[in-house]
């Protein structure tokens, strides 16, 4: 499974949100893509959330760079290691 690790908003000034860092004293726990694809356009939106699921920032219709991280899902079968 892939999750967003870092969201870089390409603006002036550039803003970077990264899981595990603090923004205004609150730790970034999750970055979620919540945009919607419509027939005639795309509404791009990302939510940056803290440990309580509260919104730290919302980034809408802005150029962004995403860095993804592969994680193992809890209780997911793992491949056997070869000897």
Protein backbone atom coordinates (compact mmCIF):
# COMPACT_ATOMS: atom_id res chain seq x y z
CA UNK A 1 0.00 0.00 0.00
CA UNK A 2 1.25 3.49 -0.77
CA UNK A 3 0.61 6.55 1.39
CA UNK A 4 1.54 10.17 0.87
CA UNK A 5 4.68 10.92 2.88
CA UNK A 6 5.29 14.52 1.79
CA UNK A 7 3.26 17.20 0.01
CA UNK A 8 5.14 20.13 -1.51
CA UNK A 9 2.97 23.05 -2.58
CA UNK A 10 4.68 24.76 -5.51
CA UNK A 11 4.04 28.40 -4.64
CA UNK A 12 5.90 31.45 -3.49
CA UNK A 13 6.88 30.72 -0.79
CA UNK A 14 7.00 26.94 -1.20
CA UNK A 15 5.16 25.08 1.57
CA UNK A 16 6.12 21.54 2.60
CA UNK A 17 4.01 19.20 4.73
CA UNK A 18 5.62 15.92 5.78
CA UNK A 19 4.32 13.12 7.97
CA UNK A 20 6.10 13.17 11.34
CA UNK A 21 6.92 16.89 11.31
CA UNK A 22 5.23 19.68 13.25
CA UNK A 23 3.20 22.58 11.89
CA UNK A 24 2.26 25.26 14.41
CA UNK A 25 2.95 22.83 17.29
CA UNK A 26 0.80 20.02 15.84
CA UNK A 27 2.29 16.82 14.42
CA UNK A 28 1.37 15.85 10.87
CA UNK A 29 0.03 12.27 11.05
CA UNK A 30 -1.66 11.89 7.67
CA UNK A 31 -1.91 13.56 4.27
CA UNK A 32 -5.03 12.52 2.38
CA UNK A 33 -6.12 13.15 -1.18
CA UNK A 34 -9.80 14.14 -1.02
CA UNK A 35 -10.34 15.74 -4.43
CA UNK A 36 -13.15 14.83 -6.81
CA UNK A 37 -13.11 13.94 -10.51
CA UNK A 38 -16.02 15.54 -12.35
CA UNK A 39 -16.89 14.90 -15.97
CA UNK A 40 -15.79 18.39 -17.04
CA UNK A 41 -12.99 19.10 -14.53
CA UNK A 42 -11.00 17.86 -11.53
CA UNK A 43 -11.16 19.44 -8.09
CA UNK A 44 -7.75 18.74 -6.55
CA UNK A 45 -7.68 18.82 -2.75
CA UNK A 46 -5.41 17.43 -0.04
CA UNK A 47 -5.98 17.43 3.74
CA UNK A 48 -3.08 17.56 6.17
CA UNK A 49 -4.27 16.14 9.51
CA UNK A 50 -2.99 15.81 13.07
CA UNK A 51 -3.18 12.85 15.48
CA UNK A 52 -6.83 13.64 16.29
CA UNK A 53 -7.85 13.78 12.64
CA UNK A 54 -8.19 17.55 12.90
CA UNK A 55 -7.33 19.63 9.86
CA UNK A 56 -3.95 21.39 9.93
CA UNK A 57 -4.16 22.57 6.33
CA UNK A 58 -6.20 22.10 3.19
CA UNK A 59 -4.55 22.54 -0.20
CA UNK A 60 -6.99 23.11 -3.05
CA UNK A 61 -6.36 23.33 -6.79
CA UNK A 62 -2.67 24.16 -6.37
CA UNK A 63 0.31 22.65 -8.15
CA UNK A 64 1.86 20.06 -5.82
CA UNK A 65 4.62 17.48 -5.75
CA UNK A 66 3.81 14.27 -3.88
CA UNK A 67 6.30 11.87 -2.33
CA UNK A 68 4.86 8.43 -1.67
CA UNK A 69 5.97 5.76 0.79
CA UNK A 70 5.28 2.03 0.59
CA UNK A 71 3.98 0.56 3.83
CA UNK A 72 2.94 -2.92 4.88
CA UNK A 73 -0.68 -3.23 5.93
CA UNK A 74 -1.34 -4.65 9.40
CA UNK A 75 -2.17 -8.38 9.25
CA UNK A 76 -1.32 -8.50 5.55
CA UNK A 77 0.38 -11.71 4.43
CA UNK A 78 4.10 -11.26 3.92
CA UNK A 79 6.05 -13.14 1.28
CA UNK A 80 8.35 -15.90 2.49
CA UNK A 81 12.01 -15.02 2.50
CA UNK A 82 14.21 -17.15 0.30
CA UNK A 83 17.21 -18.88 1.87
